[in-house]
């Protein structure tokens, strides 16, 4: 059985400083044996982690579209930010990848994902993240209802930006060997999760500030 955290960031994200080697060690200690690495607007960290991890790594990217964030899974090529949702989805699909809407009702108050939930967009989506450990909004029930309404596979992820967050949310699924097989396993899987505290958000904000400062020094 696979225990997969399907939304994880590494030091390759602008707001995360977690080293790849420490991620591997943490997962081995906590029995997480699959990660979807979804750094912001890059797949470089996912590719590097796949080289060193003794467990499954799904190459993903959390892509900032003109209407909010989408996750592409099973990617071979990086997708640039600021494209329309339709163009972003087309580029994910052209690689044989899967489209996931993370935190579909927002990660924090005031964050609006309504455009991504429009029928013309969500009809092209494969997965809805029904539990995100880092959300400050109690929206899991609404996310589940959204997945059920459109018959989409439910996922869960920690949205980890610090080491200790990894594995706070995960899915238990059967083995898979392709994106199509993963989608079937995910549809039949079990989701588990617990929320992270405010400190994780503050840490991510601090990481982003430090990295931005270094780039301008």
N, C-alpha and C. Protein backbone atom coordinates (compact mmCIF):
# COMPACT_ATOMS: atom_id res chain seq x y z
N UNK A 1 0.84 -1.20 0.00
CA UNK A 1 0.00 0.00 0.00
C UNK A 1 0.87 1.25 0.00
N UNK A 2 0.48 2.23 -0.76
CA UNK A 2 1.23 3.47 -0.87
C UNK A 2 0.59 4.54 0.02
N UNK A 3 1.43 5.26 0.76
CA UNK A 3 0.99 6.42 1.53
C UNK A 3 1.61 7.65 0.87
N UNK A 4 0.79 8.42 0.19
CA UNK A 4 1.28 9.49 -0.66
C UNK A 4 0.81 10.86 -0.18
N UNK A 5 1.76 11.73 0.09
CA UNK A 5 1.47 13.14 0.33
C UNK A 5 1.56 13.82 -1.03
N UNK A 6 0.45 14.35 -1.51
CA UNK A 6 0.34 14.78 -2.90
C UNK A 6 0.47 16.29 -3.10
N UNK A 7 1.08 16.97 -2.14
CA UNK A 7 1.29 18.42 -2.28
C UNK A 7 2.42 18.84 -1.34
N UNK A 8 3.64 18.82 -1.87
CA UNK A 8 4.83 19.08 -1.05
C UNK A 8 5.75 20.06 -1.77
N UNK A 9 6.32 20.98 -1.00
CA UNK A 9 7.28 21.95 -1.53
C UNK A 9 8.69 21.65 -1.02
N UNK A 10 9.68 22.07 -1.78
CA UNK A 10 11.09 21.90 -1.42
C UNK A 10 11.78 23.26 -1.48
N UNK A 11 13.09 23.23 -1.25
CA UNK A 11 13.88 24.45 -1.29
C UNK A 11 13.91 25.08 -2.68
N UNK A 12 13.34 24.41 -3.66
CA UNK A 12 13.24 24.99 -5.00
C UNK A 12 12.03 25.92 -5.14
N UNK A 13 11.15 25.95 -4.13
CA UNK A 13 10.06 26.91 -4.11
C UNK A 13 10.54 28.21 -3.48
N UNK A 14 9.97 29.32 -3.92
CA UNK A 14 10.39 30.63 -3.45
C UNK A 14 10.13 30.81 -1.95
N UNK A 15 9.17 30.07 -1.40
CA UNK A 15 8.78 30.25 0.00
C UNK A 15 9.07 29.02 0.85
N UNK A 16 10.11 28.28 0.51
CA UNK A 16 10.46 27.06 1.24
C UNK A 16 11.97 26.89 1.25
N UNK A 17 12.50 26.42 2.37
CA UNK A 17 13.95 26.22 2.51
C UNK A 17 14.30 24.77 2.84
N UNK A 18 13.37 23.83 2.66
CA UNK A 18 13.58 22.45 3.08
C UNK A 18 14.52 21.71 2.14
N UNK A 19 15.67 21.22 2.62
CA UNK A 19 16.62 20.50 1.76
C UNK A 19 16.07 19.16 1.30
N UNK A 20 16.45 18.75 0.12
CA UNK A 20 15.94 17.50 -0.45
C UNK A 20 16.35 16.29 0.40
N UNK A 21 17.58 16.26 0.86
CA UNK A 21 18.06 15.12 1.64
C UNK A 21 17.26 14.96 2.93
N UNK A 22 16.88 16.08 3.55
CA UNK A 22 16.10 16.02 4.78
C UNK A 22 14.68 15.52 4.50
N UNK A 23 14.15 15.83 3.34
CA UNK A 23 12.83 15.33 2.96
C UNK A 23 12.85 13.81 2.87
N UNK A 24 13.86 13.26 2.22
CA UNK A 24 13.99 11.80 2.10
C UNK A 24 14.06 11.17 3.48
N UNK A 25 14.90 11.70 4.34
CA UNK A 25 15.05 11.15 5.69
C UNK A 25 13.74 11.19 6.47
N UNK A 26 13.04 12.32 6.39
CA UNK A 26 11.78 12.47 7.11
C UNK A 26 10.74 11.46 6.62
N UNK A 27 10.65 11.27 5.32
CA UNK A 27 9.67 10.34 4.77
C UNK A 27 9.96 8.90 5.20
N UNK A 28 11.23 8.53 5.20
CA UNK A 28 11.59 7.18 5.64
C UNK A 28 11.26 6.96 7.11
N UNK A 29 11.34 8.01 7.90
CA UNK A 29 11.05 7.90 9.33
C UNK A 29 9.55 7.90 9.62
N UNK A 30 8.75 8.42 8.69
CA UNK A 30 7.31 8.57 8.93
C UNK A 30 6.45 7.68 8.03
N UNK A 31 7.09 6.79 7.29
CA UNK A 31 6.39 5.82 6.44
C UNK A 31 5.59 6.46 5.31
N UNK A 32 6.01 7.64 4.87
CA UNK A 32 5.46 8.21 3.64
C UNK A 32 6.32 7.70 2.50
N UNK A 33 5.74 6.95 1.58
CA UNK A 33 6.54 6.31 0.53
C UNK A 33 6.19 6.78 -0.88
N UNK A 34 5.57 7.95 -0.95
CA UNK A 34 5.31 8.57 -2.25
C UNK A 34 5.05 10.05 -2.01
N UNK A 35 5.67 10.89 -2.82
CA UNK A 35 5.45 12.33 -2.75
C UNK A 35 5.14 12.88 -4.13
N UNK A 36 4.18 13.77 -4.19
CA UNK A 36 4.03 14.62 -5.37
C UNK A 36 4.71 15.93 -5.02
N UNK A 37 5.83 16.18 -5.67
CA UNK A 37 6.59 17.40 -5.41
C UNK A 37 6.04 18.49 -6.32
N UNK A 38 5.50 19.53 -5.71
CA UNK A 38 4.72 20.54 -6.44
C UNK A 38 5.26 21.93 -6.14
N UNK A 39 6.53 22.14 -6.43
CA UNK A 39 7.11 23.46 -6.19
C UNK A 39 6.43 24.51 -7.06
N UNK A 40 6.52 25.75 -6.62
CA UNK A 40 5.89 26.85 -7.35
C UNK A 40 6.61 27.12 -8.66
N UNK A 41 5.91 26.89 -9.76
CA UNK A 41 6.36 27.28 -11.10
C UNK A 41 7.72 26.67 -11.50
N UNK A 42 8.03 25.50 -10.98
CA UNK A 42 9.26 24.80 -11.38
C UNK A 42 9.12 23.31 -11.09
N UNK A 43 9.80 22.49 -11.91
CA UNK A 43 9.87 21.05 -11.63
C UNK A 43 11.29 20.62 -11.30
N UNK A 44 12.20 21.59 -11.17
CA UNK A 44 13.61 21.27 -10.94
C UNK A 44 13.82 20.48 -9.66
N UNK A 45 13.16 20.88 -8.58
CA UNK A 45 13.31 20.17 -7.31
C UNK A 45 12.76 18.76 -7.38
N UNK A 46 11.63 18.60 -8.05
CA UNK A 46 11.04 17.27 -8.19
C UNK A 46 11.97 16.33 -8.95
N UNK A 47 12.57 16.83 -10.01
CA UNK A 47 13.49 16.00 -10.79
C UNK A 47 14.71 15.61 -9.97
N UNK A 48 15.25 16.55 -9.19
CA UNK A 48 16.40 16.25 -8.34
C UNK A 48 16.04 15.24 -7.26
N UNK A 49 14.86 15.41 -6.65
CA UNK A 49 14.46 14.51 -5.57
C UNK A 49 14.23 13.11 -6.11
N UNK A 50 13.71 12.99 -7.31
CA UNK A 50 13.50 11.67 -7.90
C UNK A 50 14.82 10.92 -8.06
N UNK A 51 15.90 11.63 -8.27
CA UNK A 51 17.21 11.01 -8.43
C UNK A 51 17.73 10.39 -7.14
N UNK A 52 17.34 10.94 -5.99
CA UNK A 52 17.93 10.48 -4.73
C UNK A 52 16.96 9.73 -3.82
N UNK A 53 15.67 9.82 -4.07
CA UNK A 53 14.69 9.20 -3.17
C UNK A 53 14.52 7.72 -3.48
N UNK A 54 14.48 6.85 -2.45
CA UNK A 54 14.27 5.42 -2.65
C UNK A 54 12.79 5.06 -2.68
N UNK A 55 11.93 6.01 -3.00
CA UNK A 55 10.49 5.78 -3.08
C UNK A 55 9.95 6.62 -4.23
N UNK A 56 8.65 6.46 -4.50
CA UNK A 56 8.04 7.11 -5.67
C UNK A 56 8.02 8.63 -5.52
N UNK A 57 8.42 9.31 -6.57
CA UNK A 57 8.30 10.75 -6.67
C UNK A 57 7.49 11.07 -7.92
N UNK A 58 6.39 11.77 -7.73
CA UNK A 58 5.58 12.25 -8.85
C UNK A 58 6.05 13.66 -9.19
N UNK A 59 6.42 13.86 -10.44
CA UNK A 59 6.89 15.17 -10.86
C UNK A 59 5.69 16.09 -11.04
N UNK A 60 5.60 17.08 -10.18
CA UNK A 60 4.49 18.01 -10.23
C UNK A 60 4.95 19.45 -10.23
N UNK A 61 4.00 20.34 -10.37
CA UNK A 61 4.28 21.78 -10.35
C UNK A 61 3.00 22.50 -9.93
N UNK A 62 3.12 23.40 -8.98
CA UNK A 62 2.00 24.27 -8.62
C UNK A 62 2.15 25.54 -9.45
N UNK A 63 1.24 25.71 -10.39
CA UNK A 63 1.39 26.72 -11.44
C UNK A 63 0.44 27.89 -11.16
N UNK A 64 1.00 29.06 -11.12
CA UNK A 64 0.20 30.26 -10.88
C UNK A 64 -0.41 30.74 -12.19
N UNK A 65 -1.67 30.42 -12.42
CA UNK A 65 -2.35 30.85 -13.65
C UNK A 65 -2.96 32.24 -13.44
N UNK A 66 -3.55 32.78 -14.47
CA UNK A 66 -4.18 34.10 -14.38
C UNK A 66 -5.44 34.09 -13.52
N UNK A 67 -5.91 32.89 -13.13
CA UNK A 67 -7.13 32.79 -12.33
C UNK A 67 -6.92 32.04 -11.02
N UNK A 68 -5.68 31.79 -10.67
CA UNK A 68 -5.40 31.03 -9.45
C UNK A 68 -4.46 29.87 -9.73
N UNK A 69 -4.19 29.08 -8.71
CA UNK A 69 -3.19 28.02 -8.83
C UNK A 69 -3.79 26.69 -9.28
N UNK A 70 -3.10 26.04 -10.20
CA UNK A 70 -3.40 24.67 -10.61
C UNK A 70 -2.16 23.83 -10.38
N UNK A 71 -2.36 22.55 -10.13
CA UNK A 71 -1.25 21.61 -10.02
C UNK A 71 -1.27 20.68 -11.23
N UNK A 72 -0.12 20.54 -11.85
CA UNK A 72 0.07 19.53 -12.87
C UNK A 72 0.87 18.39 -12.29
N UNK A 73 0.43 17.16 -12.51
CA UNK A 73 1.13 15.96 -12.03
C UNK A 73 1.59 15.12 -13.21
N UNK A 74 2.68 14.39 -13.02
CA UNK A 74 3.28 13.53 -14.05
C UNK A 74 3.76 14.38 -15.23
N UNK A 75 4.49 15.43 -14.90
CA UNK A 75 5.00 16.33 -15.93
C UNK A 75 6.39 15.91 -16.41
N UNK A 76 6.70 16.29 -17.63
CA UNK A 76 8.04 16.11 -18.19
C UNK A 76 8.70 17.46 -18.44
N UNK A 77 7.89 18.48 -18.61
CA UNK A 77 8.41 19.81 -18.91
C UNK A 77 7.75 20.84 -18.00
N UNK A 78 8.52 21.85 -17.64
CA UNK A 78 8.03 22.92 -16.80
C UNK A 78 7.01 23.78 -17.57
N UNK A 79 6.02 24.26 -16.85
CA UNK A 79 4.98 25.11 -17.45
C UNK A 79 5.11 26.51 -16.85
N UNK A 80 5.19 27.54 -17.67
CA UNK A 80 5.39 28.90 -17.14
C UNK A 80 4.15 29.41 -16.43
N UNK A 81 4.33 30.34 -15.50
CA UNK A 81 3.19 30.96 -14.81
C UNK A 81 2.52 32.00 -15.68
N UNK A 82 1.38 32.50 -15.16
CA UNK A 82 0.65 33.64 -15.71
C UNK A 82 -0.10 33.34 -17.01
N UNK A 83 -0.18 32.07 -17.38
CA UNK A 83 -1.02 31.70 -18.53
C UNK A 83 -2.47 31.59 -18.06
N UNK A 84 -3.39 31.52 -19.00
CA UNK A 84 -4.78 31.29 -18.65
C UNK A 84 -4.94 29.87 -18.12
N UNK A 85 -5.97 29.59 -17.33
CA UNK A 85 -6.21 28.22 -16.89
C UNK A 85 -6.34 27.25 -18.07
N UNK A 86 -7.01 27.69 -19.12
CA UNK A 86 -7.21 26.82 -20.28
C UNK A 86 -5.87 26.44 -20.94
N UNK A 87 -5.00 27.43 -21.10
CA UNK A 87 -3.70 27.16 -21.71
C UNK A 87 -2.83 26.30 -20.79
N UNK A 88 -2.90 26.56 -19.50
CA UNK A 88 -2.14 25.76 -18.54
C UNK A 88 -2.60 24.31 -18.58
N UNK A 89 -3.91 24.10 -18.57
CA UNK A 89 -4.46 22.75 -18.63
C UNK A 89 -4.05 22.05 -19.92
N UNK A 90 -4.10 22.78 -21.03
CA UNK A 90 -3.71 22.20 -22.32
C UNK A 90 -2.26 21.74 -22.30
N UNK A 91 -1.40 22.51 -21.66
CA UNK A 91 0.02 22.15 -21.60
C UNK A 91 0.26 20.95 -20.68
N UNK A 92 -0.52 20.86 -19.62
CA UNK A 92 -0.42 19.68 -18.74
C UNK A 92 -0.87 18.43 -19.51
N UNK A 93 -2.00 18.53 -20.16
CA UNK A 93 -2.57 17.39 -20.87
C UNK A 93 -1.69 16.96 -22.04
N UNK A 94 -1.02 17.91 -22.68
CA UNK A 94 -0.17 17.57 -23.83
C UNK A 94 1.02 16.71 -23.43
N UNK A 95 1.36 16.72 -22.13
CA UNK A 95 2.44 15.88 -21.62
C UNK A 95 1.94 14.55 -21.07
N UNK A 96 0.64 14.34 -21.16
CA UNK A 96 0.06 13.14 -20.57
C UNK A 96 -0.13 13.28 -19.07
N UNK A 97 -0.11 14.52 -18.57
CA UNK A 97 -0.23 14.75 -17.15
C UNK A 97 -1.67 14.86 -16.68
N UNK A 98 -1.82 15.02 -15.36
CA UNK A 98 -3.12 15.15 -14.72
C UNK A 98 -3.25 16.54 -14.11
N UNK A 99 -4.48 17.05 -14.12
CA UNK A 99 -4.76 18.40 -13.62
C UNK A 99 -5.47 18.31 -12.28
N UNK A 100 -4.93 19.03 -11.31
CA UNK A 100 -5.45 19.01 -9.94
C UNK A 100 -5.71 20.44 -9.51
N UNK A 101 -6.88 20.69 -8.89
CA UNK A 101 -7.12 21.99 -8.28
C UNK A 101 -6.78 21.89 -6.79
N UNK A 102 -5.71 22.56 -6.35
CA UNK A 102 -5.38 22.56 -4.92
C UNK A 102 -6.24 23.57 -4.17
N UNK A 103 -6.47 23.29 -2.88
CA UNK A 103 -7.27 24.18 -2.02
C UNK A 103 -8.33 24.94 -2.84
N UNK A 104 -9.33 24.23 -3.37
CA UNK A 104 -10.28 24.82 -4.33
C UNK A 104 -11.15 25.93 -3.76
N UNK A 105 -11.21 26.06 -2.45
CA UNK A 105 -11.98 27.15 -1.84
C UNK A 105 -11.08 28.13 -1.11
N UNK A 106 -9.80 28.11 -1.46
CA UNK A 106 -8.88 29.09 -0.90
C UNK A 106 -8.02 28.53 0.20
N UNK A 107 -6.79 29.06 0.27
CA UNK A 107 -5.85 28.63 1.31
C UNK A 107 -5.93 29.55 2.53
N UNK A 108 -6.40 30.76 2.32
CA UNK A 108 -6.53 31.71 3.41
C UNK A 108 -7.69 32.66 3.09
N UNK A 109 -8.20 33.37 4.10
CA UNK A 109 -9.33 34.28 3.87
C UNK A 109 -8.99 35.31 2.79
N UNK A 110 -9.95 35.54 1.90
CA UNK A 110 -9.76 36.52 0.85
C UNK A 110 -9.22 35.96 -0.45
N UNK A 111 -8.71 34.71 -0.39
CA UNK A 111 -8.17 34.09 -1.61
C UNK A 111 -9.33 33.48 -2.39
N UNK A 112 -9.54 33.92 -3.61
CA UNK A 112 -10.71 33.51 -4.37
C UNK A 112 -10.33 32.58 -5.53
N UNK A 113 -10.80 31.35 -5.49
CA UNK A 113 -10.56 30.37 -6.56
C UNK A 113 -11.81 30.15 -7.41
N UNK A 114 -12.75 31.06 -7.32
CA UNK A 114 -14.05 30.84 -7.95
C UNK A 114 -13.95 30.60 -9.45
N UNK A 115 -13.05 31.31 -10.13
CA UNK A 115 -12.92 31.15 -11.58
C UNK A 115 -12.49 29.73 -11.95
N UNK A 116 -11.66 29.11 -11.12
CA UNK A 116 -11.21 27.75 -11.41
C UNK A 116 -12.31 26.72 -11.18
N UNK A 117 -13.33 27.10 -10.44
CA UNK A 117 -14.45 26.19 -10.18
C UNK A 117 -15.56 26.34 -11.21
N UNK A 118 -15.37 27.21 -12.19
CA UNK A 118 -16.38 27.39 -13.24
C UNK A 118 -16.49 26.11 -14.06
N UNK A 119 -17.69 25.75 -14.51
CA UNK A 119 -17.89 24.49 -15.23
C UNK A 119 -16.97 24.31 -16.44
N UNK A 120 -16.69 25.39 -17.17
CA UNK A 120 -15.85 25.25 -18.36
C UNK A 120 -14.40 24.92 -18.02
N UNK A 121 -13.99 25.23 -16.78
CA UNK A 121 -12.63 24.88 -16.34
C UNK A 121 -12.63 23.51 -15.68
N UNK A 122 -13.53 23.33 -14.73
CA UNK A 122 -13.49 22.12 -13.92
C UNK A 122 -13.84 20.87 -14.74
N UNK A 123 -14.49 21.05 -15.87
CA UNK A 123 -14.78 19.91 -16.75
C UNK A 123 -13.51 19.33 -17.36
N UNK A 124 -12.42 20.08 -17.31
CA UNK A 124 -11.15 19.61 -17.85
C UNK A 124 -10.19 19.10 -16.77
N UNK A 125 -10.66 19.13 -15.53
CA UNK A 125 -9.82 18.78 -14.38
C UNK A 125 -9.97 17.29 -14.07
N UNK A 126 -8.91 16.69 -13.48
CA UNK A 126 -8.93 15.27 -13.11
C UNK A 126 -9.09 15.04 -11.62
N UNK A 127 -8.58 15.98 -10.81
CA UNK A 127 -8.44 15.75 -9.37
C UNK A 127 -8.83 17.01 -8.61
N UNK A 128 -9.48 16.82 -7.47
CA UNK A 128 -9.76 17.91 -6.54
C UNK A 128 -9.06 17.60 -5.22
N UNK A 129 -8.31 18.56 -4.71
CA UNK A 129 -7.68 18.39 -3.39
C UNK A 129 -8.75 18.62 -2.33
N UNK A 130 -9.16 17.54 -1.68
CA UNK A 130 -10.25 17.64 -0.71
C UNK A 130 -9.76 17.92 0.69
N UNK A 131 -8.46 17.70 0.94
CA UNK A 131 -7.90 18.08 2.25
C UNK A 131 -6.52 18.65 2.03
N UNK A 132 -6.31 19.85 2.55
CA UNK A 132 -5.03 20.54 2.50
C UNK A 132 -4.70 20.97 3.92
N UNK A 133 -3.62 20.46 4.47
CA UNK A 133 -3.30 20.72 5.88
C UNK A 133 -3.08 22.19 6.18
N UNK A 134 -2.64 22.94 5.18
CA UNK A 134 -2.23 24.33 5.42
C UNK A 134 -3.35 25.34 5.28
N UNK A 135 -4.54 24.92 4.86
CA UNK A 135 -5.61 25.90 4.69
C UNK A 135 -6.07 26.44 6.04
N UNK A 136 -6.35 27.73 6.06
CA UNK A 136 -6.88 28.36 7.27
C UNK A 136 -8.40 28.35 7.28
N UNK A 137 -8.99 27.90 6.17
CA UNK A 137 -10.44 27.89 6.05
C UNK A 137 -10.99 26.47 6.20
N UNK A 138 -12.07 26.27 6.92
CA UNK A 138 -12.68 24.93 7.07
C UNK A 138 -13.49 24.57 5.83
N UNK A 139 -12.81 24.15 4.77
CA UNK A 139 -13.48 23.97 3.49
C UNK A 139 -13.43 22.54 2.97
N UNK A 140 -13.01 21.59 3.79
CA UNK A 140 -12.86 20.22 3.31
C UNK A 140 -14.19 19.63 2.83
N UNK A 141 -15.27 19.88 3.57
CA UNK A 141 -16.57 19.33 3.18
C UNK A 141 -17.01 19.88 1.83
N UNK A 142 -16.80 21.19 1.61
CA UNK A 142 -17.16 21.79 0.32
C UNK A 142 -16.31 21.21 -0.81
N UNK A 143 -15.03 20.95 -0.53
CA UNK A 143 -14.16 20.37 -1.54
C UNK A 143 -14.60 18.95 -1.89
N UNK A 144 -14.98 18.18 -0.88
CA UNK A 144 -15.49 16.83 -1.14
C UNK A 144 -16.75 16.89 -2.01
N UNK A 145 -17.65 17.79 -1.67
CA UNK A 145 -18.89 17.91 -2.45
C UNK A 145 -18.59 18.30 -3.90
N UNK A 146 -17.59 19.13 -4.09
CA UNK A 146 -17.19 19.54 -5.44
C UNK A 146 -16.67 18.34 -6.22
N UNK A 147 -15.83 17.53 -5.58
CA UNK A 147 -15.29 16.34 -6.23
C UNK A 147 -16.41 15.37 -6.60
N UNK A 148 -17.36 15.19 -5.70
CA UNK A 148 -18.47 14.28 -5.96
C UNK A 148 -19.37 14.81 -7.08
N UNK A 149 -19.60 16.10 -7.08
CA UNK A 149 -20.47 16.71 -8.10
C UNK A 149 -19.95 16.47 -9.51
N UNK A 150 -18.63 16.56 -9.67
CA UNK A 150 -18.04 16.43 -11.00
C UNK A 150 -17.36 15.08 -11.22
N UNK A 151 -17.55 14.16 -10.25
CA UNK A 151 -16.99 12.81 -10.36
C UNK A 151 -15.47 12.85 -10.59
N UNK A 152 -14.79 13.63 -9.74
CA UNK A 152 -13.35 13.78 -9.83
C UNK A 152 -12.66 13.06 -8.68
N UNK A 153 -11.44 12.59 -8.93
CA UNK A 153 -10.69 11.87 -7.91
C UNK A 153 -10.30 12.83 -6.78
N UNK A 154 -10.47 12.39 -5.51
CA UNK A 154 -10.10 13.24 -4.37
C UNK A 154 -8.65 13.02 -3.95
N UNK A 155 -7.95 14.10 -3.67
CA UNK A 155 -6.57 13.97 -3.20
C UNK A 155 -6.41 14.67 -1.86
N UNK A 156 -5.28 14.43 -1.22
CA UNK A 156 -4.95 15.10 0.04
C UNK A 156 -3.46 15.39 0.05
N UNK A 157 -3.11 16.55 0.58
CA UNK A 157 -1.71 16.91 0.65
C UNK A 157 -1.45 17.88 1.78
N UNK A 158 -0.24 17.83 2.30
CA UNK A 158 0.12 18.70 3.41
C UNK A 158 0.34 20.14 2.98
N UNK A 159 0.67 20.35 1.69
CA UNK A 159 1.10 21.67 1.22
C UNK A 159 2.28 22.13 2.05
N UNK A 160 3.17 21.18 2.34
CA UNK A 160 4.27 21.41 3.27
C UNK A 160 5.26 22.43 2.72
N UNK A 161 5.59 23.40 3.56
CA UNK A 161 6.67 24.34 3.29
C UNK A 161 7.77 24.22 4.35
N UNK A 162 7.55 23.36 5.33
CA UNK A 162 8.57 23.02 6.32
C UNK A 162 8.61 21.50 6.46
N UNK A 163 9.71 21.02 7.01
CA UNK A 163 9.93 19.57 7.05
C UNK A 163 8.87 18.83 7.86
N UNK A 164 8.55 19.34 9.03
CA UNK A 164 7.63 18.62 9.92
C UNK A 164 6.20 18.54 9.38
N UNK A 165 5.87 19.38 8.41
CA UNK A 165 4.52 19.34 7.84
C UNK A 165 4.32 18.14 6.91
N UNK A 166 5.39 17.64 6.32
CA UNK A 166 5.27 16.56 5.34
C UNK A 166 4.62 15.33 5.98
N UNK A 167 3.57 14.84 5.35
CA UNK A 167 2.85 13.68 5.86
C UNK A 167 1.68 14.01 6.75
N UNK A 168 1.44 15.29 7.01
CA UNK A 168 0.27 15.66 7.82
C UNK A 168 -1.03 15.36 7.09
N UNK A 169 -0.98 15.30 5.77
CA UNK A 169 -2.11 14.83 4.98
C UNK A 169 -1.57 13.89 3.91
N UNK A 170 -2.30 12.83 3.66
CA UNK A 170 -1.85 11.85 2.66
C UNK A 170 -3.03 10.99 2.24
N UNK A 171 -2.81 10.24 1.18
CA UNK A 171 -3.80 9.25 0.73
C UNK A 171 -3.17 7.87 0.79
N UNK A 172 -3.96 6.89 1.13
CA UNK A 172 -3.55 5.49 1.03
C UNK A 172 -4.15 4.92 -0.23
N UNK A 173 -3.28 4.50 -1.14
CA UNK A 173 -3.75 4.01 -2.44
C UNK A 173 -2.99 2.76 -2.83
N UNK A 174 -3.55 2.04 -3.80
CA UNK A 174 -2.88 0.85 -4.33
C UNK A 174 -1.73 1.27 -5.25
N UNK A 175 -0.83 0.34 -5.51
CA UNK A 175 0.29 0.58 -6.42
C UNK A 175 -0.22 1.03 -7.79
N UNK A 176 0.59 1.81 -8.47
CA UNK A 176 0.24 2.28 -9.81
C UNK A 176 1.51 2.40 -10.63
N UNK A 177 1.36 2.36 -11.95
CA UNK A 177 2.54 2.45 -12.81
C UNK A 177 2.34 3.42 -13.98
N UNK A 178 1.30 4.25 -13.89
CA UNK A 178 1.03 5.21 -14.95
C UNK A 178 0.08 6.27 -14.40
N UNK A 179 -0.03 7.41 -15.07
CA UNK A 179 -1.01 8.41 -14.64
C UNK A 179 -2.44 7.86 -14.60
N UNK A 180 -2.79 7.06 -15.60
CA UNK A 180 -4.14 6.48 -15.62
C UNK A 180 -4.34 5.54 -14.43
N UNK A 181 -3.33 4.73 -14.15
CA UNK A 181 -3.41 3.83 -13.01
C UNK A 181 -3.46 4.58 -11.69
N UNK A 182 -2.71 5.67 -11.61
CA UNK A 182 -2.74 6.51 -10.42
C UNK A 182 -4.14 7.08 -10.20
N UNK A 183 -4.78 7.53 -11.26
CA UNK A 183 -6.11 8.12 -11.14
C UNK A 183 -7.12 7.09 -10.63
N UNK A 184 -7.02 5.85 -11.12
CA UNK A 184 -7.90 4.78 -10.65
C UNK A 184 -7.65 4.50 -9.17
N UNK A 185 -6.37 4.39 -8.79
CA UNK A 185 -6.03 4.12 -7.39
C UNK A 185 -6.50 5.25 -6.49
N UNK A 186 -6.33 6.47 -6.95
CA UNK A 186 -6.74 7.62 -6.14
C UNK A 186 -8.25 7.64 -5.93
N UNK A 187 -8.99 7.28 -6.96
CA UNK A 187 -10.45 7.26 -6.86
C UNK A 187 -10.94 6.25 -5.84
N UNK A 188 -10.12 5.22 -5.59
CA UNK A 188 -10.49 4.16 -4.66
C UNK A 188 -9.76 4.26 -3.32
N UNK A 189 -8.99 5.33 -3.14
CA UNK A 189 -8.13 5.45 -1.96
C UNK A 189 -8.84 6.03 -0.75
N UNK A 190 -8.06 6.16 0.32
CA UNK A 190 -8.54 6.74 1.57
C UNK A 190 -7.70 7.98 1.87
N UNK A 191 -8.35 9.03 2.33
CA UNK A 191 -7.64 10.26 2.66
C UNK A 191 -7.52 10.43 4.17
N UNK A 192 -6.38 10.97 4.58
CA UNK A 192 -6.12 11.23 5.99
C UNK A 192 -5.50 12.62 6.12
N UNK A 193 -5.79 13.32 7.21
CA UNK A 193 -5.17 14.62 7.36
C UNK A 193 -5.43 15.29 8.68
N UNK A 194 -4.49 16.13 9.06
CA UNK A 194 -4.63 17.01 10.21
C UNK A 194 -4.02 18.36 9.85
N UNK A 195 -4.55 19.40 10.43
CA UNK A 195 -4.14 20.74 10.04
C UNK A 195 -2.82 21.15 10.70
N UNK A 196 -2.13 22.04 10.00
CA UNK A 196 -0.91 22.63 10.55
C UNK A 196 -1.29 23.95 11.21
N UNK A 197 -0.38 24.43 12.03
CA UNK A 197 -0.65 25.67 12.75
C UNK A 197 -0.22 26.91 11.98
N UNK A 198 -0.48 28.05 12.57
CA UNK A 198 -0.14 29.32 11.94
C UNK A 198 1.37 29.47 11.76
N UNK A 199 2.16 28.84 12.62
CA UNK A 199 3.61 28.98 12.54
C UNK A 199 4.15 28.56 11.18
N UNK A 200 3.54 27.54 10.57
CA UNK A 200 4.00 27.09 9.25
C UNK A 200 3.85 28.19 8.21
N UNK A 201 2.77 28.94 8.29
CA UNK A 201 2.55 30.05 7.36
C UNK A 201 3.58 31.15 7.59
N UNK A 202 3.88 31.42 8.84
CA UNK A 202 4.88 32.44 9.16
C UNK A 202 6.26 32.01 8.67
N UNK A 203 6.55 30.71 8.79
CA UNK A 203 7.84 30.20 8.32
C UNK A 203 7.97 30.35 6.81
N UNK A 204 6.89 30.05 6.08
CA UNK A 204 6.91 30.19 4.62
C UNK A 204 7.10 31.66 4.23
N UNK A 205 6.44 32.56 4.95
CA UNK A 205 6.59 33.98 4.66
C UNK A 205 8.02 34.43 4.92
N UNK A 206 8.60 33.94 6.01
CA UNK A 206 9.99 34.27 6.34
C UNK A 206 10.94 33.74 5.27
N UNK A 207 10.71 32.51 4.81
CA UNK A 207 11.56 31.92 3.77
C UNK A 207 11.51 32.74 2.50
N UNK A 208 10.30 33.17 2.12
CA UNK A 208 10.16 33.98 0.91
C UNK A 208 10.91 35.30 1.06
N UNK A 209 10.83 35.92 2.23
CA UNK A 209 11.52 37.19 2.47
C UNK A 209 13.03 37.01 2.40
N UNK A 210 13.54 35.95 3.04
CA UNK A 210 14.98 35.69 3.04
C UNK A 210 15.48 35.45 1.63
N UNK A 211 14.77 34.63 0.87
CA UNK A 211 15.20 34.32 -0.50
C UNK A 211 15.17 35.57 -1.39
N UNK A 212 14.12 36.37 -1.25
CA UNK A 212 14.04 37.58 -2.04
C UNK A 212 15.17 38.54 -1.70
N UNK A 213 15.52 38.62 -0.43
CA UNK A 213 16.59 39.50 0.02
C UNK A 213 17.94 39.04 -0.54
N UNK A 214 18.17 37.73 -0.56
CA UNK A 214 19.41 37.19 -1.10
C UNK A 214 19.56 37.51 -2.58
N UNK A 215 18.43 37.40 -3.31
CA UNK A 215 18.47 37.65 -4.74
C UNK A 215 18.82 39.10 -5.05
N UNK A 216 18.53 40.00 -4.10
CA UNK A 216 18.77 41.41 -4.35
C UNK A 216 20.03 41.92 -3.66
N UNK A 217 20.80 41.02 -3.07
CA UNK A 217 22.03 41.42 -2.40
C UNK A 217 23.23 41.34 -3.34
